[in-house]
Amino acid sequence: MKLAFIIDPIHQLDPGHDTSVALMEAAQILGHEVWVTQANWLSVVESKAWAILQQVKLIPVELVEKRWQAANPWYELSPRSLNSLETMDAVFMRTDPPVNDAYLYATYVLDYIDQNKTLVINNPHGIRGANEKMYALQFTKAIPETIVSADKQFIRQFVEAKGATVLKPLGNKAGEGILFLQSGDRNFNSIVELSTQQGRLPVMVQTYLPAAKAGDKRIILLNGEPIGALNRLASNDDFRNNMATGGTVATTEITPREMEICNQLAQKLREDGLIFVGIDVIGGYLTEVNVTSPTGIREIDRLNGTRLGHDVIKWVEEKLVIGH
């Protein structure tokens, strides 16, 4: 197979952390051609999606003393060439958020791939329809008490009723801009004004879950089925559990309640073409559904001795054999 990965500039990736690299390595090990491009290298020519592509050869990371160790350099690129994306068997959209104009325009280009010829993971329609904060709201039996609003007074009423809450911008990633907000906070007005850009942008406000002190679980779903999980723990000087904010990771098990949440999501994810997804769960509550470039594979593999990237690529192989 020929697999293309739309990624951020490859020299910016961390081979010991980034899931995109784990997927590319797995594809290469399993005997497939791996090609890379970037969102700003996409084009539409005669109503078809094209891209400036480079074939990449990777030196896979090795686990040394419980840490991933990469060669330097860890990849080699071929010269650039302009090709139709329909010459690929599958295209992985792995550009990191935020989902800004550039990201959205890239998904519009991907609409011009005939998915009867080339599988796109995740489906561009699905990505556009699944804001990673808002998407969770449809699963009412799985989420904590939540509002989304730009109205300061409405937000104040919710915070006063709940006592302790977490405010989240709708478009950020990796814990950026998430704030702890409680009743009586003297900075309340400033926090809400800054976060909503003076009432112009809605934000999500959720009841604070004390179980967050015990960790924020990332569960990886492949075609709606959980294939691995890890627990993220906050550093001593931050309430956020995100790895990007200094959090650590630990092994974990998927509980019956978490399986129930996965089951609630599964059919909807499949309908929306959201094949590779990471969900965040705190204390048995769904807090986020990550569909743009979910991460966590490297950490899960390191902790558990698994090879989740291989599971993903083998699923793609089977999907392409039986037709999509």
C-alpha atoms as a PDB file:
ATOM      1  CA  MET A   1       0.000   0.000   0.000  1.00  0.00           C
ATOM      2  CA  LYS A   2       0.935   3.632  -0.430  1.00  0.00           C
ATOM      3  CA  LEU A   3       0.002   5.681   2.625  1.00  0.00           C
ATOM      4  CA  ALA A   4       0.173   9.477   2.847  1.00  0.00           C
ATOM      5  CA  PHE A   5       0.340  11.368   6.128  1.00  0.00           C
ATOM      6  CA  ILE A   6      -0.596  15.035   6.310  1.00  0.00           C
ATOM      7  CA  ILE A   7       1.540  16.227   9.206  1.00  0.00           C
ATOM      8  CA  ASP A   8       3.153  19.315  10.626  1.00  0.00           C
ATOM      9  CA  PRO A   9       6.707  19.843   9.260  1.00  0.00           C
ATOM     10  CA  ILE A  10       8.441  16.544   9.952  1.00  0.00           C
ATOM     11  CA  HIS A  11      11.484  18.152  11.546  1.00  0.00           C
ATOM     12  CA  GLN A  12       9.178  19.523  14.259  1.00  0.00           C
ATOM     13  CA  LEU A  13       7.894  16.079  15.265  1.00  0.00           C
ATOM     14  CA  ASP A  14       9.177  14.187  18.289  1.00  0.00           C
ATOM     15  CA  PRO A  15       9.743  10.572  17.208  1.00  0.00           C
ATOM     16  CA  GLY A  16       9.590   9.370  20.811  1.00  0.00           C
ATOM     17  CA  HIS A  17       6.218  10.982  21.468  1.00  0.00           C
ATOM     18  CA  ASP A  18       4.246  11.729  18.320  1.00  0.00           C
ATOM     19  CA  THR A  19       1.598   9.213  17.334  1.00  0.00           C
ATOM     20  CA  SER A  20       1.975  10.242  13.681  1.00  0.00           C
ATOM     21  CA  VAL A  21       5.537   8.899  13.712  1.00  0.00           C
ATOM     22  CA  ALA A  22       4.385   5.681  15.406  1.00  0.00           C
ATOM     23  CA  LEU A  23       1.806   5.156  12.650  1.00  0.00           C
ATOM     24  CA  MET A  24       4.322   5.873   9.894  1.00  0.00           C
ATOM     25  CA  GLU A  25       6.851   3.492  11.451  1.00  0.00           C
ATOM     26  CA  ALA A  26       4.223   0.761  11.703  1.00  0.00           C
ATOM     27  CA  ALA A  27       3.277   1.218   8.049  1.00  0.00           C
ATOM     28  CA  GLN A  28       6.921   0.953   6.976  1.00  0.00           C
ATOM     29  CA  ILE A  29       7.596  -2.113   9.139  1.00  0.00           C
ATOM     30  CA  LEU A  30       4.530  -3.798   7.662  1.00  0.00           C
ATOM     31  CA  GLY A  31       5.920  -3.277   4.172  1.00  0.00           C
ATOM     32  CA  HIS A  32       4.074  -0.207   2.921  1.00  0.00           C
ATOM     33  CA  GLU A  33       5.294   2.975   1.246  1.00  0.00           C
ATOM     34  CA  VAL A  34       5.089   6.016   3.524  1.00  0.00           C
ATOM     35  CA  TRP A  35       4.648   9.496   2.068  1.00  0.00           C
ATOM     36  CA  VAL A  36       4.322  12.827   3.869  1.00  0.00           C
ATOM     37  CA  THR A  37       2.868  16.207   3.027  1.00  0.00           C
ATOM     38  CA  GLN A  38       1.598  19.297   4.841  1.00  0.00           C
ATOM     39  CA  ALA A  39      -1.739  21.087   4.909  1.00  0.00           C
ATOM     40  CA  ASN A  40      -0.292  24.051   3.022  1.00  0.00           C
ATOM     41  CA  TRP A  41       0.991  21.716   0.285  1.00  0.00           C
ATOM     42  CA  LEU A  42      -2.512  20.572  -0.697  1.00  0.00           C
ATOM     43  CA  SER A  43      -4.215  21.722  -3.902  1.00  0.00           C
ATOM     44  CA  VAL A  44      -7.294  21.055  -6.020  1.00  0.00           C
ATOM     45  CA  VAL A  45      -6.567  20.468  -9.720  1.00  0.00           C
ATOM     46  CA  GLU A  46      -9.425  19.668 -12.117  1.00  0.00           C
ATOM     47  CA  SER A  47     -11.675  18.950  -9.137  1.00  0.00           C
ATOM     48  CA  LYS A  48      -9.254  16.434  -7.608  1.00  0.00           C
ATOM     49  CA  ALA A  49      -7.099  16.712  -4.480  1.00  0.00           C
ATOM     50  CA  TRP A  50      -3.373  16.896  -5.134  1.00  0.00           C
ATOM     51  CA  ALA A  51      -0.392  17.353  -2.835  1.00  0.00           C
ATOM     52  CA  ILE A  52       3.313  17.978  -2.860  1.00  0.00           C
ATOM     53  CA  LEU A  53       4.514  14.631  -1.482  1.00  0.00           C
ATOM     54  CA  GLN A  54       7.800  13.204  -0.255  1.00  0.00           C
ATOM     55  CA  GLN A  55       8.468   9.550   0.396  1.00  0.00           C
ATOM     56  CA  VAL A  56      10.015   9.062   3.814  1.00  0.00           C
ATOM     57  CA  LYS A  57      12.289   6.321   5.118  1.00  0.00           C
ATOM     58  CA  LEU A  58      12.286   6.035   8.904  1.00  0.00           C
ATOM     59  CA  ILE A  59      14.679   4.563  11.432  1.00  0.00           C
ATOM     60  CA  PRO A  60      12.267   3.217  14.061  1.00  0.00           C
ATOM     61  CA  VAL A  61      12.740   4.246  17.670  1.00  0.00           C
ATOM     62  CA  GLU A  62      13.984   1.719  20.210  1.00  0.00           C
ATOM     63  CA  LEU A  63      12.963   1.281  23.827  1.00  0.00           C
ATOM     64  CA  VAL A  64      16.043   1.833  25.998  1.00  0.00           C
ATOM     65  CA  GLU A  65      15.681   1.870  29.794  1.00  0.00           C
ATOM     66  CA  LYS A  66      11.933   2.530  29.517  1.00  0.00           C
ATOM     67  CA  ARG A  67      12.423   5.501  27.183  1.00  0.00           C
ATOM     68  CA  TRP A  68      12.048   5.744  23.408  1.00  0.00           C
ATOM     69  CA  GLN A  69      15.397   6.458  21.811  1.00  0.00           C
ATOM     70  CA  ALA A  70      15.599   7.845  18.281  1.00  0.00           C
ATOM     71  CA  ALA A  71      18.470   7.900  15.819  1.00  0.00           C
ATOM     72  CA  ASN A  72      19.818  11.251  14.655  1.00  0.00           C
ATOM     73  CA  PRO A  73      18.724  11.786  11.938  1.00  0.00           C
ATOM     74  CA  TRP A  74      15.694   9.525  12.258  1.00  0.00           C
ATOM     75  CA  TYR A  75      14.230  10.029   8.765  1.00  0.00           C
ATOM     76  CA  GLU A  76      15.260  10.524   5.145  1.00  0.00           C
ATOM     77  CA  LEU A  77      13.097  12.307   2.587  1.00  0.00           C
ATOM     78  CA  SER A  78      12.892  11.900  -1.191  1.00  0.00           C
ATOM     79  CA  PRO A  79      12.642  14.970  -3.461  1.00  0.00           C
ATOM     80  CA  ARG A  80       9.236  16.637  -3.584  1.00  0.00           C
ATOM     81  CA  SER A  81       6.775  15.713  -6.297  1.00  0.00           C
ATOM     82  CA  LEU A  82       3.233  16.840  -7.082  1.00  0.00           C
ATOM     83  CA  ASN A  83       0.795  13.926  -7.216  1.00  0.00           C
ATOM     84  CA  SER A  84      -2.903  13.220  -7.003  1.00  0.00           C
ATOM     85  CA  LEU A  85      -3.827  11.992  -3.536  1.00  0.00           C
ATOM     86  CA  GLU A  86      -5.934   9.335  -5.249  1.00  0.00           C
ATOM     87  CA  THR A  87      -2.661   7.584  -6.144  1.00  0.00           C
ATOM     88  CA  MET A  88      -2.492   6.755  -2.415  1.00  0.00           C
ATOM     89  CA  ASP A  89      -4.393   3.858  -0.857  1.00  0.00           C
ATOM     90  CA  ALA A  90      -5.054   5.842   2.317  1.00  0.00           C
ATOM     91  CA  VAL A  91      -4.486   9.381   3.574  1.00  0.00           C
ATOM     92  CA  PHE A  92      -4.132  10.176   7.275  1.00  0.00           C
ATOM     93  CA  MET A  93      -5.063  13.738   8.287  1.00  0.00           C
ATOM     94  CA  ARG A  94      -2.672  14.307  11.200  1.00  0.00           C
ATOM     95  CA  THR A  95      -2.192  18.092  11.329  1.00  0.00           C
ATOM     96  CA  ASP A  96      -2.307  19.347  14.910  1.00  0.00           C
ATOM     97  CA  PRO A  97      -5.012  21.781  16.027  1.00  0.00           C
ATOM     98  CA  PRO A  98      -6.064  24.524  16.399  1.00  0.00           C
ATOM     99  CA  VAL A  99      -8.814  24.014  13.850  1.00  0.00           C
ATOM    100  CA  ASN A 100      -8.310  27.421  12.262  1.00  0.00           C
ATOM    101  CA  ASP A 101      -8.950  28.615   8.708  1.00  0.00           C
ATOM    102  CA  ALA A 102      -5.893  26.794   7.361  1.00  0.00           C
ATOM    103  CA  TYR A 103      -6.992  23.531   8.961  1.00  0.00           C
ATOM    104  CA  LEU A 104     -10.572  23.874   7.710  1.00  0.00           C
ATOM    105  CA  TYR A 105      -9.445  24.714   4.181  1.00  0.00           C
ATOM    106  CA  ALA A 106      -7.283  21.569   4.186  1.00  0.00           C
ATOM    107  CA  THR A 107     -10.371  19.492   4.995  1.00  0.00           C
ATOM    108  CA  TYR A 108     -12.205  21.146   2.090  1.00  0.00           C
ATOM    109  CA  VAL A 109      -9.405  20.022  -0.231  1.00  0.00           C
ATOM    110  CA  LEU A 110      -9.663  16.477   1.141  1.00  0.00           C
ATOM    111  CA  ASP A 111     -13.349  16.470   0.176  1.00  0.00           C
ATOM    112  CA  TYR A 112     -12.093  16.144  -3.410  1.00  0.00           C
ATOM    113  CA  ILE A 113     -10.648  12.689  -2.764  1.00  0.00           C
ATOM    114  CA  ASP A 114     -12.888   9.901  -4.024  1.00  0.00           C
ATOM    115  CA  GLN A 115     -13.114   7.679  -0.954  1.00  0.00           C
ATOM    116  CA  ASN A 116     -14.075   4.775  -3.196  1.00  0.00           C
ATOM    117  CA  LYS A 117     -10.457   4.953  -4.348  1.00  0.00           C
ATOM    118  CA  THR A 118      -8.604   6.326  -1.325  1.00  0.00           C
ATOM    119  CA  LEU A 119      -9.518   5.991   2.338  1.00  0.00           C
ATOM    120  CA  VAL A 120      -9.227   9.239   4.354  1.00  0.00           C
ATOM    121  CA  ILE A 121      -8.662   8.958   8.112  1.00  0.00           C
ATOM    122  CA  ASN A 122     -10.383  10.776   9.641  1.00  0.00           C
ATOM    123  CA  ASN A 123     -13.164  11.711   7.236  1.00  0.00           C
ATOM    124  CA  PRO A 124     -12.950  15.474   6.514  1.00  0.00           C
ATOM    125  CA  HIS A 125     -16.720  15.884   6.946  1.00  0.00           C
ATOM    126  CA  GLY A 126     -16.462  14.129  10.291  1.00  0.00           C
ATOM    127  CA  ILE A 127     -13.598  16.318  11.462  1.00  0.00           C
ATOM    128  CA  ARG A 128     -15.460  19.512  10.567  1.00  0.00           C
ATOM    129  CA  GLY A 129     -18.578  18.325  12.364  1.00  0.00           C
ATOM    130  CA  ALA A 130     -16.775  17.215  15.502  1.00  0.00           C
ATOM    131  CA  ASN A 131     -15.392  20.110  17.491  1.00  0.00           C
ATOM    132  CA  GLU A 132     -13.390  18.238  20.098  1.00  0.00           C
ATOM    133  CA  LYS A 133     -15.185  19.912  22.996  1.00  0.00           C
ATOM    134  CA  MET A 134     -18.700  20.230  21.544  1.00  0.00           C
ATOM    135  CA  TYR A 135     -18.930  16.737  20.036  1.00  0.00           C
ATOM    136  CA  ALA A 136     -19.120  15.162  23.481  1.00  0.00           C
ATOM    137  CA  LEU A 137     -22.295  17.092  24.366  1.00  0.00           C
ATOM    138  CA  GLN A 138     -24.539  14.768  22.362  1.00  0.00           C
ATOM    139  CA  PHE A 139     -23.680  11.887  24.698  1.00  0.00           C
ATOM    140  CA  THR A 140     -25.733  13.210  27.583  1.00  0.00           C
ATOM    141  CA  LYS A 141     -25.432  10.071  29.712  1.00  0.00           C
ATOM    142  CA  ALA A 142     -21.647  10.229  29.572  1.00  0.00           C
ATOM    143  CA  ILE A 143     -20.713  13.860  30.252  1.00  0.00           C
ATOM    144  CA  PRO A 144     -20.539  15.967  33.436  1.00  0.00           C
ATOM    145  CA  GLU A 145     -22.870  18.961  33.842  1.00  0.00           C
ATOM    146  CA  THR A 146     -21.821  21.375  31.121  1.00  0.00           C
ATOM    147  CA  ILE A 147     -22.799  24.660  29.514  1.00  0.00           C
ATOM    148  CA  VAL A 148     -21.464  26.431  26.445  1.00  0.00           C
ATOM    149  CA  SER A 149     -21.942  30.180  26.348  1.00  0.00           C
ATOM    150  CA  ALA A 150     -20.347  33.574  25.740  1.00  0.00           C
ATOM    151  CA  ASP A 151     -22.712  35.271  28.192  1.00  0.00           C
ATOM    152  CA  LYS A 152     -20.935  36.360  31.364  1.00  0.00           C
ATOM    153  CA  GLN A 153     -24.061  36.390  33.523  1.00  0.00           C
ATOM    154  CA  PHE A 154     -25.129  32.922  32.415  1.00  0.00           C
ATOM    155  CA  ILE A 155     -21.646  31.612  33.115  1.00  0.00           C
ATOM    156  CA  ARG A 156     -21.684  33.306  36.544  1.00  0.00           C
ATOM    157  CA  GLN A 157     -24.989  31.650  37.437  1.00  0.00           C
ATOM    158  CA  PHE A 158     -23.625  28.225  36.484  1.00  0.00           C
ATOM    159  CA  VAL A 159     -20.393  28.719  38.441  1.00  0.00           C
ATOM    160  CA  GLU A 160     -22.256  29.948  41.510  1.00  0.00           C
ATOM    161  CA  ALA A 161     -24.573  26.946  41.344  1.00  0.00           C
ATOM    162  CA  LYS A 162     -21.740  24.425  40.978  1.00  0.00           C
ATOM    163  CA  GLY A 163     -19.095  26.063  43.155  1.00  0.00           C
ATOM    164  CA  ALA A 164     -16.049  24.777  41.279  1.00  0.00           C
ATOM    165  CA  THR A 165     -15.848  24.540  37.487  1.00  0.00           C
ATOM    166  CA  VAL A 166     -13.406  24.231  34.610  1.00  0.00           C
ATOM    167  CA  LEU A 167     -13.538  26.723  31.724  1.00  0.00           C
ATOM    168  CA  LYS A 168     -12.319  25.521  28.325  1.00  0.00           C
ATOM    169  CA  PRO A 169     -11.862  27.415  25.045  1.00  0.00           C
ATOM    170  CA  LEU A 170     -13.551  25.476  22.254  1.00  0.00           C
ATOM    171  CA  GLY A 171     -10.687  25.521  19.768  1.00  0.00           C
ATOM    172  CA  ASN A 172      -7.487  24.899  21.697  1.00  0.00           C
ATOM    173  CA  LYS A 173      -5.455  21.741  22.270  1.00  0.00           C
ATOM    174  CA  ALA A 174      -3.162  20.161  24.864  1.00  0.00           C
ATOM    175  CA  GLY A 175      -4.763  21.957  27.798  1.00  0.00           C
ATOM    176  CA  GLU A 176      -4.145  25.435  26.380  1.00  0.00           C
ATOM    177  CA  GLY A 177      -6.343  28.090  27.973  1.00  0.00           C
ATOM    178  CA  ILE A 178      -8.122  25.733  30.387  1.00  0.00           C
ATOM    179  CA  LEU A 179      -8.853  27.545  33.638  1.00  0.00           C
ATOM    180  CA  PHE A 180     -10.149  26.565  37.079  1.00  0.00           C
ATOM    181  CA  LEU A 181     -13.028  28.887  37.925  1.00  0.00           C
ATOM    182  CA  GLN A 182     -14.932  28.919  41.192  1.00  0.00           C
ATOM    183  CA  SER A 183     -17.649  30.925  42.878  1.00  0.00           C
ATOM    184  CA  GLY A 184     -16.334  34.123  44.480  1.00  0.00           C
ATOM    185  CA  ASP A 185     -13.200  34.312  42.326  1.00  0.00           C
ATOM    186  CA  ARG A 186     -12.157  37.982  42.309  1.00  0.00           C
ATOM    187  CA  ASN A 187     -10.782  37.496  38.787  1.00  0.00           C
ATOM    188  CA  PHE A 188     -14.073  36.111  37.463  1.00  0.00           C
ATOM    189  CA  ASN A 189     -14.903  39.038  35.172  1.00  0.00           C
ATOM    190  CA  SER A 190     -11.412  39.235  33.697  1.00  0.00           C
ATOM    191  CA  ILE A 191     -11.223  35.467  33.167  1.00  0.00           C
ATOM    192  CA  VAL A 192     -14.538  35.329  31.328  1.00  0.00           C
ATOM    193  CA  GLU A 193     -13.873  38.496  29.312  1.00  0.00           C
ATOM    194  CA  LEU A 194     -10.479  37.228  28.139  1.00  0.00           C
ATOM    195  CA  SER A 195     -11.704  33.709  27.416  1.00  0.00           C
ATOM    196  CA  THR A 196     -14.789  34.837  25.484  1.00  0.00           C
ATOM    197  CA  GLN A 197     -13.005  37.755  23.815  1.00  0.00           C
ATOM    198  CA  GLN A 198     -15.394  40.219  25.415  1.00  0.00           C
ATOM    199  CA  GLY A 199     -18.423  38.021  24.853  1.00  0.00           C
ATOM    200  CA  ARG A 200     -17.751  37.276  21.187  1.00  0.00           C
ATOM    201  CA  LEU A 201     -16.769  33.596  21.471  1.00  0.00           C
ATOM    202  CA  PRO A 202     -18.539  30.880  23.465  1.00  0.00           C
ATOM    203  CA  VAL A 203     -16.583  28.764  25.914  1.00  0.00           C
ATOM    204  CA  MET A 204     -17.325  25.474  27.614  1.00  0.00           C
ATOM    205  CA  VAL A 205     -17.805  25.446  31.381  1.00  0.00           C
ATOM    206  CA  GLN A 206     -18.015  22.094  33.145  1.00  0.00           C
ATOM    207  CA  THR A 207     -18.516  21.042  36.726  1.00  0.00           C
ATOM    208  CA  TYR A 208     -15.108  20.393  38.240  1.00  0.00           C
ATOM    209  CA  LEU A 209     -14.586  16.683  38.799  1.00  0.00           C
ATOM    210  CA  PRO A 210     -12.577  16.031  41.989  1.00  0.00           C
ATOM    211  CA  ALA A 211     -11.620  12.662  40.486  1.00  0.00           C
ATOM    212  CA  ALA A 212      -9.271  14.647  38.217  1.00  0.00           C
ATOM    213  CA  LYS A 213      -6.738  14.475  41.064  1.00  0.00           C
ATOM    214  CA  ALA A 214      -6.520  10.735  40.373  1.00  0.00           C
ATOM    215  CA  GLY A 215      -5.865  11.339  36.670  1.00  0.00           C
ATOM    216  CA  ASP A 216      -7.372  12.011  33.262  1.00  0.00           C
ATOM    217  CA  LYS A 217      -7.651   8.843  31.206  1.00  0.00           C
ATOM    218  CA  ARG A 218      -6.930   8.831  27.458  1.00  0.00           C
ATOM    219  CA  ILE A 219      -8.583   5.932  25.642  1.00  0.00           C
ATOM    220  CA  ILE A 220      -7.703   5.236  22.003  1.00  0.00           C
ATOM    221  CA  LEU A 221     -10.587   4.043  19.823  1.00  0.00           C
ATOM    222  CA  LEU A 222     -10.166   2.346  16.447  1.00  0.00           C
ATOM    223  CA  ASN A 223     -13.406   2.214  14.460  1.00  0.00           C
ATOM    224  CA  GLY A 224     -15.308   2.713  17.711  1.00  0.00           C
ATOM    225  CA  GLU A 225     -13.488  -0.025  19.647  1.00  0.00           C
ATOM    226  CA  PRO A 226     -11.027   0.732  22.494  1.00  0.00           C
ATOM    227  CA  ILE A 227      -7.537  -0.589  21.762  1.00  0.00           C
ATOM    228  CA  GLY A 228      -5.502   1.004  24.562  1.00  0.00           C
ATOM    229  CA  ALA A 229      -5.477   3.525  27.390  1.00  0.00           C
ATOM    230  CA  LEU A 230      -3.222   5.482  29.706  1.00  0.00           C
ATOM    231  CA  ASN A 231      -3.729   7.649  32.768  1.00  0.00           C
ATOM    232  CA  ARG A 232      -2.371  11.204  32.751  1.00  0.00           C
ATOM    233  CA  LEU A 233      -1.456  12.792  36.066  1.00  0.00           C
ATOM    234  CA  ALA A 234      -0.929  16.497  36.715  1.00  0.00           C
ATOM    235  CA  SER A 235       2.379  17.920  37.831  1.00  0.00           C
ATOM    236  CA  ASN A 236       2.556  19.375  41.336  1.00  0.00           C
ATOM    237  CA  ASP A 237       2.116  22.972  40.162  1.00  0.00           C
ATOM    238  CA  ASP A 238      -0.767  22.528  37.674  1.00  0.00           C
ATOM    239  CA  PHE A 239      -4.320  21.169  37.924  1.00  0.00           C
ATOM    240  CA  ARG A 240      -4.304  20.064  34.253  1.00  0.00           C
ATOM    241  CA  ASN A 241      -3.377  16.466  33.472  1.00  0.00           C
ATOM    242  CA  ASN A 242      -2.219  17.027  29.886  1.00  0.00           C
ATOM    243  CA  MET A 243       1.182  15.669  28.886  1.00  0.00           C
ATOM    244  CA  ALA A 244       1.907  18.984  27.143  1.00  0.00           C
ATOM    245  CA  THR A 245       1.567  20.834  30.463  1.00  0.00           C
ATOM    246  CA  GLY A 246       4.090  18.648  32.271  1.00  0.00           C
ATOM    247  CA  GLY A 247       1.814  15.806  33.313  1.00  0.00           C
ATOM    248  CA  THR A 248       3.116  12.278  33.740  1.00  0.00           C
ATOM    249  CA  VAL A 249       1.589   9.030  32.506  1.00  0.00           C
ATOM    250  CA  ALA A 250       0.806   5.709  34.142  1.00  0.00           C
ATOM    251  CA  THR A 251      -0.676   2.364  33.204  1.00  0.00           C
ATOM    252  CA  THR A 252      -4.393   1.900  33.631  1.00  0.00           C
ATOM    253  CA  GLU A 253      -7.297  -0.428  32.882  1.00  0.00           C
ATOM    254  CA  ILE A 254     -10.508   0.362  31.035  1.00  0.00           C
ATOM    255  CA  THR A 255     -13.345   0.103  33.559  1.00  0.00           C
ATOM    256  CA  PRO A 256     -16.852  -1.224  32.844  1.00  0.00           C
ATOM    257  CA  ARG A 257     -18.167   2.364  33.016  1.00  0.00           C
ATOM    258  CA  GLU A 258     -15.577   3.456  30.454  1.00  0.00           C
ATOM    259  CA  MET A 259     -16.502   0.544  28.188  1.00  0.00           C
ATOM    260  CA  GLU A 260     -20.096   1.715  28.463  1.00  0.00           C
ATOM    261  CA  ILE A 261     -19.015   5.204  27.331  1.00  0.00           C
ATOM    262  CA  CYS A 262     -17.105   3.716  24.383  1.00  0.00           C
ATOM    263  CA  ASN A 263     -20.205   1.763  23.406  1.00  0.00           C
ATOM    264  CA  GLN A 264     -22.306   4.932  23.532  1.00  0.00           C
ATOM    265  CA  LEU A 265     -19.928   6.626  21.085  1.00  0.00           C
ATOM    266  CA  ALA A 266     -19.126   3.745  18.750  1.00  0.00           C
ATOM    267  CA  GLN A 267     -21.959   3.887  16.230  1.00  0.00           C
ATOM    268  CA  LYS A 268     -21.904   7.675  15.914  1.00  0.00           C
ATOM    269  CA  LEU A 269     -18.134   7.699  15.379  1.00  0.00           C
ATOM    270  CA  ARG A 270     -18.462   5.104  12.621  1.00  0.00           C
ATOM    271  CA  GLU A 271     -21.287   7.036  10.958  1.00  0.00           C
ATOM    272  CA  ASP A 272     -19.125  10.176  10.936  1.00  0.00           C
ATOM    273  CA  GLY A 273     -16.060   8.396   9.556  1.00  0.00           C
ATOM    274  CA  LEU A 274     -14.081   9.086  12.733  1.00  0.00           C
ATOM    275  CA  ILE A 275     -11.904   5.995  12.679  1.00  0.00           C
ATOM    276  CA  PHE A 276      -8.939   6.954  14.874  1.00  0.00           C
ATOM    277  CA  VAL A 277     -10.106   8.816  17.982  1.00  0.00           C
ATOM    278  CA  GLY A 278      -8.885   9.570  21.472  1.00  0.00           C
ATOM    279  CA  ILE A 279     -11.424  10.186  24.216  1.00  0.00           C
ATOM    280  CA  ASP A 280     -10.708  11.753  27.605  1.00  0.00           C
ATOM    281  CA  VAL A 281     -12.462  10.377  30.681  1.00  0.00           C
ATOM    282  CA  ILE A 282     -12.308  11.661  34.266  1.00  0.00           C
ATOM    283  CA  GLY A 283     -14.007   9.801  37.089  1.00  0.00           C
ATOM    284  CA  GLY A 284     -16.295   7.944  34.718  1.00  0.00           C
ATOM    285  CA  TYR A 285     -17.307  11.054  32.751  1.00  0.00           C
ATOM    286  CA  LEU A 286     -16.508  11.827  29.116  1.00  0.00           C
ATOM    287  CA  THR A 287     -14.867  15.256  28.845  1.00  0.00           C
ATOM    288  CA  GLU A 288     -13.522  15.409  25.285  1.00  0.00           C
ATOM    289  CA  VAL A 289     -13.475  13.557  21.957  1.00  0.00           C
ATOM    290  CA  ASN A 290     -10.214  14.096  20.055  1.00  0.00           C
ATOM    291  CA  VAL A 291     -10.533  13.584  16.287  1.00  0.00           C
ATOM    292  CA  THR A 292      -7.924  15.836  14.662  1.00  0.00           C
ATOM    293  CA  SER A 293      -4.590  14.218  15.594  1.00  0.00           C
ATOM    294  CA  PRO A 294      -5.165  12.065  18.696  1.00  0.00           C
ATOM    295  CA  THR A 295      -1.996  11.139  20.540  1.00  0.00           C
ATOM    296  CA  GLY A 296      -0.954   8.674  23.225  1.00  0.00           C
ATOM    297  CA  ILE A 297       0.210   5.626  21.248  1.00  0.00           C
ATOM    298  CA  ARG A 298       3.882   6.017  22.133  1.00  0.00           C
ATOM    299  CA  GLU A 299       3.146   6.249  25.844  1.00  0.00           C
ATOM    300  CA  ILE A 300       0.704   3.316  25.832  1.00  0.00           C
ATOM    301  CA  ASP A 301       3.170   1.151  23.907  1.00  0.00           C
ATOM    302  CA  ARG A 302       6.003   2.078  26.260  1.00  0.00           C
ATOM    303  CA  LEU A 303       3.986   1.286  29.368  1.00  0.00           C
ATOM    304  CA  ASN A 304       2.280  -1.887  28.131  1.00  0.00           C
ATOM    305  CA  GLY A 305       4.574  -3.394  25.516  1.00  0.00           C
ATOM    306  CA  THR A 306       1.892  -3.046  22.840  1.00  0.00           C
ATOM    307  CA  ARG A 307       2.193  -1.992  19.184  1.00  0.00           C
ATOM    308  CA  LEU A 308      -0.966   0.017  18.628  1.00  0.00           C
ATOM    309  CA  GLY A 309       0.349   1.573  15.417  1.00  0.00           C
ATOM    310  CA  HIS A 310       0.473  -1.912  13.909  1.00  0.00           C
ATOM    311  CA  ASP A 311      -3.137  -2.492  14.980  1.00  0.00           C
ATOM    312  CA  VAL A 312      -4.194   0.678  13.137  1.00  0.00           C
ATOM    313  CA  ILE A 313      -2.313  -0.131   9.928  1.00  0.00           C
ATOM    314  CA  LYS A 314      -3.585  -3.742   9.927  1.00  0.00           C
ATOM    315  CA  TRP A 315      -7.135  -2.409  10.273  1.00  0.00           C
ATOM    316  CA  VAL A 316      -6.502  -0.216   7.220  1.00  0.00           C
ATOM    317  CA  GLU A 317      -5.152  -3.209   5.316  1.00  0.00           C
ATOM    318  CA  GLU A 318      -8.288  -5.215   6.083  1.00  0.00           C
ATOM    319  CA  LYS A 319     -10.556  -2.293   5.261  1.00  0.00           C
ATOM    320  CA  LEU A 320      -8.939  -1.811   1.866  1.00  0.00           C
ATOM    321  CA  VAL A 321      -9.057  -5.541   1.067  1.00  0.00           C
ATOM    322  CA  ILE A 322     -12.803  -5.814   1.677  1.00  0.00           C
ATOM    323  CA  GLY A 323     -13.532  -2.435   0.053  1.00  0.00           C
ATOM    324  CA  HIS A 324     -14.516   0.837   1.625  1.00  0.00           C
END
